[in-house]
Amino acid sequence: MTRLRKNMKAVTVIRQWTTEQDGYLIEHADLAISELIQLLPYTEEEIKARKKVLGLLKRERQFRKIMT
């Protein structure tokens, strides 16, 4: 039997992100999702998915672990 990871989910990209938008998301990764929704033309799910693709969620977890 094959085990599936719990955190493995299919991420579908609905719209393309530009390099400028990726850069903005990277530079402002510390902002709340609600603020990013207002500043970027994407939904909460799309922003979270893009953060995951860019490795920002893992980076945030690692940073929080260091700071505690």
PDB file of N, CA and C in Angstrom:
ATOM      1  N   MET A   1       0.822  -1.182   0.000  1.00  0.00           N
ATOM      2  CA  MET A   1       0.000   0.000   0.000  1.00  0.00           C
ATOM      3  C   MET A   1       0.870   1.251   0.000  1.00  0.00           C
ATOM      4  N   THR A   2       0.395   2.234  -0.650  1.00  0.00           N
ATOM      5  CA  THR A   2       1.111   3.494  -0.726  1.00  0.00           C
ATOM      6  C   THR A   2       0.495   4.477   0.256  1.00  0.00           C
ATOM      7  N   ARG A   3       1.354   5.141   0.996  1.00  0.00           N
ATOM      8  CA  ARG A   3       0.876   6.168   1.918  1.00  0.00           C
ATOM      9  C   ARG A   3       0.919   7.525   1.237  1.00  0.00           C
ATOM     10  N   LEU A   4      -0.111   8.274   1.462  1.00  0.00           N
ATOM     11  CA  LEU A   4      -0.154   9.637   0.939  1.00  0.00           C
ATOM     12  C   LEU A   4       0.098  10.608   2.075  1.00  0.00           C
ATOM     13  N   ARG A   5       0.851  11.611   1.815  1.00  0.00           N
ATOM     14  CA  ARG A   5       1.086  12.641   2.821  1.00  0.00           C
ATOM     15  C   ARG A   5      -0.181  13.448   3.021  1.00  0.00           C
ATOM     16  N   LYS A   6      -0.417  13.830   4.255  1.00  0.00           N
ATOM     17  CA  LYS A   6      -1.600  14.622   4.564  1.00  0.00           C
ATOM     18  C   LYS A   6      -1.523  16.014   3.946  1.00  0.00           C
ATOM     19  N   ASN A   7      -0.325  16.559   3.888  1.00  0.00           N
ATOM     20  CA  ASN A   7      -0.189  17.925   3.393  1.00  0.00           C
ATOM     21  C   ASN A   7      -0.031  18.006   1.876  1.00  0.00           C
ATOM     22  N   MET A   8      -0.059  16.882   1.197  1.00  0.00           N
ATOM     23  CA  MET A   8       0.062  16.881  -0.262  1.00  0.00           C
ATOM     24  C   MET A   8      -1.322  17.125  -0.870  1.00  0.00           C
ATOM     25  N   LYS A   9      -1.508  18.260  -1.442  1.00  0.00           N
ATOM     26  CA  LYS A   9      -2.768  18.607  -2.087  1.00  0.00           C
ATOM     27  C   LYS A   9      -2.462  19.153  -3.465  1.00  0.00           C
ATOM     28  N   ALA A  10      -3.352  18.899  -4.368  1.00  0.00           N
ATOM     29  CA  ALA A  10      -3.184  19.430  -5.718  1.00  0.00           C
ATOM     30  C   ALA A  10      -3.458  20.929  -5.692  1.00  0.00           C
ATOM     31  N   VAL A  11      -2.528  21.678  -6.208  1.00  0.00           N
ATOM     32  CA  VAL A  11      -2.677  23.128  -6.269  1.00  0.00           C
ATOM     33  C   VAL A  11      -2.890  23.505  -7.726  1.00  0.00           C
ATOM     34  N   THR A  12      -4.022  24.085  -7.996  1.00  0.00           N
ATOM     35  CA  THR A  12      -4.304  24.502  -9.357  1.00  0.00           C
ATOM     36  C   THR A  12      -4.068  25.998  -9.480  1.00  0.00           C
ATOM     37  N   VAL A  13      -3.354  26.365 -10.487  1.00  0.00           N
ATOM     38  CA  VAL A  13      -3.076  27.776 -10.735  1.00  0.00           C
ATOM     39  C   VAL A  13      -4.124  28.278 -11.710  1.00  0.00           C
ATOM     40  N   ILE A  14      -4.923  29.216 -11.254  1.00  0.00           N
ATOM     41  CA  ILE A  14      -5.999  29.740 -12.085  1.00  0.00           C
ATOM     42  C   ILE A  14      -5.481  30.846 -12.993  1.00  0.00           C
ATOM     43  N   ARG A  15      -4.673  31.730 -12.435  1.00  0.00           N
ATOM     44  CA  ARG A  15      -4.146  32.849 -13.206  1.00  0.00           C
ATOM     45  C   ARG A  15      -2.630  32.875 -13.102  1.00  0.00           C
ATOM     46  N   GLN A  16      -2.006  33.461 -14.081  1.00  0.00           N
ATOM     47  CA  GLN A  16      -0.549  33.585 -14.097  1.00  0.00           C
ATOM     48  C   GLN A  16      -0.120  34.771 -13.243  1.00  0.00           C
ATOM     49  N   TRP A  17       0.978  34.588 -12.541  1.00  0.00           N
ATOM     50  CA  TRP A  17       1.570  35.660 -11.746  1.00  0.00           C
ATOM     51  C   TRP A  17       2.728  36.258 -12.535  1.00  0.00           C
ATOM     52  N   THR A  18       2.834  37.577 -12.514  1.00  0.00           N
ATOM     53  CA  THR A  18       3.958  38.231 -13.177  1.00  0.00           C
ATOM     54  C   THR A  18       5.154  38.251 -12.226  1.00  0.00           C
ATOM     55  N   THR A  19       6.314  38.520 -12.776  1.00  0.00           N
ATOM     56  CA  THR A  19       7.526  38.612 -11.968  1.00  0.00           C
ATOM     57  C   THR A  19       7.408  39.743 -10.951  1.00  0.00           C
ATOM     58  N   GLU A  20       6.787  40.840 -11.346  1.00  0.00           N
ATOM     59  CA  GLU A  20       6.611  41.971 -10.442  1.00  0.00           C
ATOM     60  C   GLU A  20       5.712  41.598  -9.268  1.00  0.00           C
ATOM     61  N   GLN A  21       4.640  40.853  -9.549  1.00  0.00           N
ATOM     62  CA  GLN A  21       3.732  40.434  -8.480  1.00  0.00           C
ATOM     63  C   GLN A  21       4.421  39.446  -7.538  1.00  0.00           C
ATOM     64  N   ASP A  22       5.217  38.539  -8.103  1.00  0.00           N
ATOM     65  CA  ASP A  22       5.987  37.614  -7.269  1.00  0.00           C
ATOM     66  C   ASP A  22       6.945  38.391  -6.367  1.00  0.00           C
ATOM     67  N   GLY A  23       7.632  39.357  -6.945  1.00  0.00           N
ATOM     68  CA  GLY A  23       8.561  40.182  -6.174  1.00  0.00           C
ATOM     69  C   GLY A  23       7.856  40.938  -5.061  1.00  0.00           C
ATOM     70  N   TYR A  24       6.694  41.486  -5.377  1.00  0.00           N
ATOM     71  CA  TYR A  24       5.922  42.211  -4.373  1.00  0.00           C
ATOM     72  C   TYR A  24       5.506  41.277  -3.243  1.00  0.00           C
ATOM     73  N   LEU A  25       5.072  40.076  -3.597  1.00  0.00           N
ATOM     74  CA  LEU A  25       4.656  39.105  -2.586  1.00  0.00           C
ATOM     75  C   LEU A  25       5.835  38.695  -1.710  1.00  0.00           C
ATOM     76  N   ILE A  26       6.988  38.508  -2.308  1.00  0.00           N
ATOM     77  CA  ILE A  26       8.182  38.138  -1.543  1.00  0.00           C
ATOM     78  C   ILE A  26       8.584  39.269  -0.594  1.00  0.00           C
ATOM     79  N   GLU A  27       8.579  40.504  -1.095  1.00  0.00           N
ATOM     80  CA  GLU A  27       8.984  41.645  -0.275  1.00  0.00           C
ATOM     81  C   GLU A  27       7.999  41.938   0.850  1.00  0.00           C
ATOM     82  N   HIS A  28       6.725  41.631   0.619  1.00  0.00           N
ATOM     83  CA  HIS A  28       5.689  41.944   1.604  1.00  0.00           C
ATOM     84  C   HIS A  28       5.053  40.676   2.172  1.00  0.00           C
ATOM     85  N   ALA A  29       5.823  39.624   2.295  1.00  0.00           N
ATOM     86  CA  ALA A  29       5.307  38.343   2.792  1.00  0.00           C
ATOM     87  C   ALA A  29       4.847  38.432   4.239  1.00  0.00           C
ATOM     88  N   ASP A  30       5.328  39.424   4.974  1.00  0.00           N
ATOM     89  CA  ASP A  30       4.951  39.559   6.377  1.00  0.00           C
ATOM     90  C   ASP A  30       3.588  40.221   6.570  1.00  0.00           C
ATOM     91  N   LEU A  31       3.002  40.762   5.506  1.00  0.00           N
ATOM     92  CA  LEU A  31       1.679  41.376   5.609  1.00  0.00           C
ATOM     93  C   LEU A  31       0.615  40.302   5.814  1.00  0.00           C
ATOM     94  N   ALA A  32      -0.489  40.698   6.415  1.00  0.00           N
ATOM     95  CA  ALA A  32      -1.614  39.787   6.603  1.00  0.00           C
ATOM     96  C   ALA A  32      -2.254  39.478   5.246  1.00  0.00           C
ATOM     97  N   ILE A  33      -2.871  38.319   5.159  1.00  0.00           N
ATOM     98  CA  ILE A  33      -3.526  37.908   3.913  1.00  0.00           C
ATOM     99  C   ILE A  33      -4.582  38.930   3.496  1.00  0.00           C
ATOM    100  N   SER A  34      -5.320  39.468   4.459  1.00  0.00           N
ATOM    101  CA  SER A  34      -6.362  40.448   4.131  1.00  0.00           C
ATOM    102  C   SER A  34      -5.774  41.687   3.452  1.00  0.00           C
ATOM    103  N   GLU A  35      -4.585  42.103   3.879  1.00  0.00           N
ATOM    104  CA  GLU A  35      -3.932  43.250   3.250  1.00  0.00           C
ATOM    105  C   GLU A  35      -3.445  42.897   1.848  1.00  0.00           C
ATOM    106  N   LEU A  36      -2.909  41.691   1.687  1.00  0.00           N
ATOM    107  CA  LEU A  36      -2.429  41.267   0.369  1.00  0.00           C
ATOM    108  C   LEU A  36      -3.580  41.144  -0.624  1.00  0.00           C
ATOM    109  N   ILE A  37      -4.746  40.717  -0.145  1.00  0.00           N
ATOM    110  CA  ILE A  37      -5.917  40.611  -1.023  1.00  0.00           C
ATOM    111  C   ILE A  37      -6.287  41.984  -1.573  1.00  0.00           C
ATOM    112  N   GLN A  38      -6.164  43.011  -0.740  1.00  0.00           N
ATOM    113  CA  GLN A  38      -6.486  44.368  -1.180  1.00  0.00           C
ATOM    114  C   GLN A  38      -5.454  44.904  -2.163  1.00  0.00           C
ATOM    115  N   LEU A  39      -4.198  44.495  -2.000  1.00  0.00           N
ATOM    116  CA  LEU A  39      -3.117  45.039  -2.818  1.00  0.00           C
ATOM    117  C   LEU A  39      -2.865  44.263  -4.102  1.00  0.00           C
ATOM    118  N   LEU A  40      -3.211  42.981  -4.107  1.00  0.00           N
ATOM    119  CA  LEU A  40      -2.981  42.134  -5.279  1.00  0.00           C
ATOM    120  C   LEU A  40      -4.318  41.653  -5.841  1.00  0.00           C
ATOM    121  N   PRO A  41      -4.401  41.458  -7.148  1.00  0.00           N
ATOM    122  CA  PRO A  41      -5.673  41.050  -7.767  1.00  0.00           C
ATOM    123  C   PRO A  41      -5.921  39.541  -7.690  1.00  0.00           C
ATOM    124  N   TYR A  42      -5.756  38.949  -6.503  1.00  0.00           N
ATOM    125  CA  TYR A  42      -5.919  37.508  -6.340  1.00  0.00           C
ATOM    126  C   TYR A  42      -6.737  37.205  -5.097  1.00  0.00           C
ATOM    127  N   THR A  43      -7.286  35.994  -5.052  1.00  0.00           N
ATOM    128  CA  THR A  43      -8.059  35.555  -3.899  1.00  0.00           C
ATOM    129  C   THR A  43      -7.126  35.039  -2.812  1.00  0.00           C
ATOM    130  N   GLU A  44      -7.692  34.786  -1.653  1.00  0.00           N
ATOM    131  CA  GLU A  44      -6.906  34.271  -0.530  1.00  0.00           C
ATOM    132  C   GLU A  44      -6.265  32.929  -0.874  1.00  0.00           C
ATOM    133  N   GLU A  45      -7.019  32.058  -1.515  1.00  0.00           N
ATOM    134  CA  GLU A  45      -6.500  30.739  -1.878  1.00  0.00           C
ATOM    135  C   GLU A  45      -5.353  30.846  -2.875  1.00  0.00           C
ATOM    136  N   GLU A  46      -5.487  31.750  -3.843  1.00  0.00           N
ATOM    137  CA  GLU A  46      -4.434  31.932  -4.841  1.00  0.00           C
ATOM    138  C   GLU A  46      -3.158  32.490  -4.208  1.00  0.00           C
ATOM    139  N   ILE A  47      -3.307  33.406  -3.266  1.00  0.00           N
ATOM    140  CA  ILE A  47      -2.138  33.984  -2.596  1.00  0.00           C
ATOM    141  C   ILE A  47      -1.449  32.931  -1.743  1.00  0.00           C
ATOM    142  N   LYS A  48      -2.220  32.146  -1.004  1.00  0.00           N
ATOM    143  CA  LYS A  48      -1.636  31.085  -0.181  1.00  0.00           C
ATOM    144  C   LYS A  48      -0.932  30.047  -1.045  1.00  0.00           C
ATOM    145  N   ALA A  49      -1.546  29.693  -2.173  1.00  0.00           N
ATOM    146  CA  ALA A  49      -0.933  28.714  -3.073  1.00  0.00           C
ATOM    147  C   ALA A  49       0.373  29.254  -3.646  1.00  0.00           C
ATOM    148  N   ARG A  50       0.391  30.531  -4.003  1.00  0.00           N
ATOM    149  CA  ARG A  50       1.611  31.112  -4.568  1.00  0.00           C
ATOM    150  C   ARG A  50       2.709  31.219  -3.511  1.00  0.00           C
ATOM    151  N   LYS A  51       2.323  31.556  -2.280  1.00  0.00           N
ATOM    152  CA  LYS A  51       3.302  31.593  -1.192  1.00  0.00           C
ATOM    153  C   LYS A  51       3.930  30.220  -1.004  1.00  0.00           C
ATOM    154  N   LYS A  52       3.110  29.189  -1.138  1.00  0.00           N
ATOM    155  CA  LYS A  52       3.625  27.825  -0.993  1.00  0.00           C
ATOM    156  C   LYS A  52       4.592  27.499  -2.126  1.00  0.00           C
ATOM    157  N   VAL A  53       4.242  27.873  -3.347  1.00  0.00           N
ATOM    158  CA  VAL A  53       5.110  27.620  -4.500  1.00  0.00           C
ATOM    159  C   VAL A  53       6.446  28.335  -4.337  1.00  0.00           C
ATOM    160  N   LEU A  54       6.415  29.553  -3.833  1.00  0.00           N
ATOM    161  CA  LEU A  54       7.633  30.348  -3.665  1.00  0.00           C
ATOM    162  C   LEU A  54       8.429  29.964  -2.414  1.00  0.00           C
ATOM    163  N   GLY A  55       7.881  29.096  -1.588  1.00  0.00           N
ATOM    164  CA  GLY A  55       8.583  28.669  -0.383  1.00  0.00           C
ATOM    165  C   GLY A  55       8.459  29.638   0.777  1.00  0.00           C
ATOM    166  N   LEU A  56       7.516  30.559   0.688  1.00  0.00           N
ATOM    167  CA  LEU A  56       7.382  31.575   1.729  1.00  0.00           C
ATOM    168  C   LEU A  56       6.733  31.031   2.993  1.00  0.00           C
ATOM    169  N   LEU A  57       5.865  30.037   2.863  1.00  0.00           N
ATOM    170  CA  LEU A  57       5.228  29.463   4.045  1.00  0.00           C
ATOM    171  C   LEU A  57       6.243  28.705   4.887  1.00  0.00           C
ATOM    172  N   LYS A  58       7.087  27.938   4.224  1.00  0.00           N
ATOM    173  CA  LYS A  58       8.121  27.189   4.933  1.00  0.00           C
ATOM    174  C   LYS A  58       9.104  28.151   5.595  1.00  0.00           C
ATOM    175  N   ARG A  59       9.462  29.196   4.886  1.00  0.00           N
ATOM    176  CA  ARG A  59      10.385  30.206   5.427  1.00  0.00           C
ATOM    177  C   ARG A  59       9.792  30.869   6.659  1.00  0.00           C
ATOM    178  N   GLU A  60       8.493  31.174   6.610  1.00  0.00           N
ATOM    179  CA  GLU A  60       7.817  31.809   7.741  1.00  0.00           C
ATOM    180  C   GLU A  60       7.807  30.884   8.964  1.00  0.00           C
ATOM    181  N   ARG A  61       7.531  29.605   8.752  1.00  0.00           N
ATOM    182  CA  ARG A  61       7.544  28.640   9.851  1.00  0.00           C
ATOM    183  C   ARG A  61       8.937  28.533  10.468  1.00  0.00           C
ATOM    184  N   GLN A  62       9.952  28.477   9.619  1.00  0.00           N
ATOM    185  CA  GLN A  62      11.321  28.381  10.116  1.00  0.00           C
ATOM    186  C   GLN A  62      11.701  29.626  10.914  1.00  0.00           C
ATOM    187  N   PHE A  63      11.296  30.778  10.434  1.00  0.00           N
ATOM    188  CA  PHE A  63      11.606  32.028  11.114  1.00  0.00           C
ATOM    189  C   PHE A  63      10.918  32.088  12.475  1.00  0.00           C
ATOM    190  N   ARG A  64       9.638  31.670  12.523  1.00  0.00           N
ATOM    191  CA  ARG A  64       8.913  31.654  13.790  1.00  0.00           C
ATOM    192  C   ARG A  64       9.565  30.702  14.783  1.00  0.00           C
ATOM    193  N   LYS A  65      10.053  29.578  14.287  1.00  0.00           N
ATOM    194  CA  LYS A  65      10.705  28.590  15.150  1.00  0.00           C
ATOM    195  C   LYS A  65      11.982  29.166  15.759  1.00  0.00           C
ATOM    196  N   ILE A  66      12.727  29.921  14.980  1.00  0.00           N
ATOM    197  CA  ILE A  66      13.958  30.543  15.470  1.00  0.00           C
ATOM    198  C   ILE A  66      13.647  31.613  16.512  1.00  0.00           C
ATOM    199  N   MET A  67      12.595  32.368  16.284  1.00  0.00           N
ATOM    200  CA  MET A  67      12.261  33.492  17.158  1.00  0.00           C
ATOM    201  C   MET A  67      11.650  33.053  18.487  1.00  0.00           C
ATOM    202  N   THR A  68      11.198  31.817  18.599  1.00  0.00           N
ATOM    203  CA  THR A  68      10.580  31.379  19.863  1.00  0.00           C
ATOM    204  C   THR A  68      11.558  30.694  20.766  1.00  0.00           C
TER     205      THR A  68
END
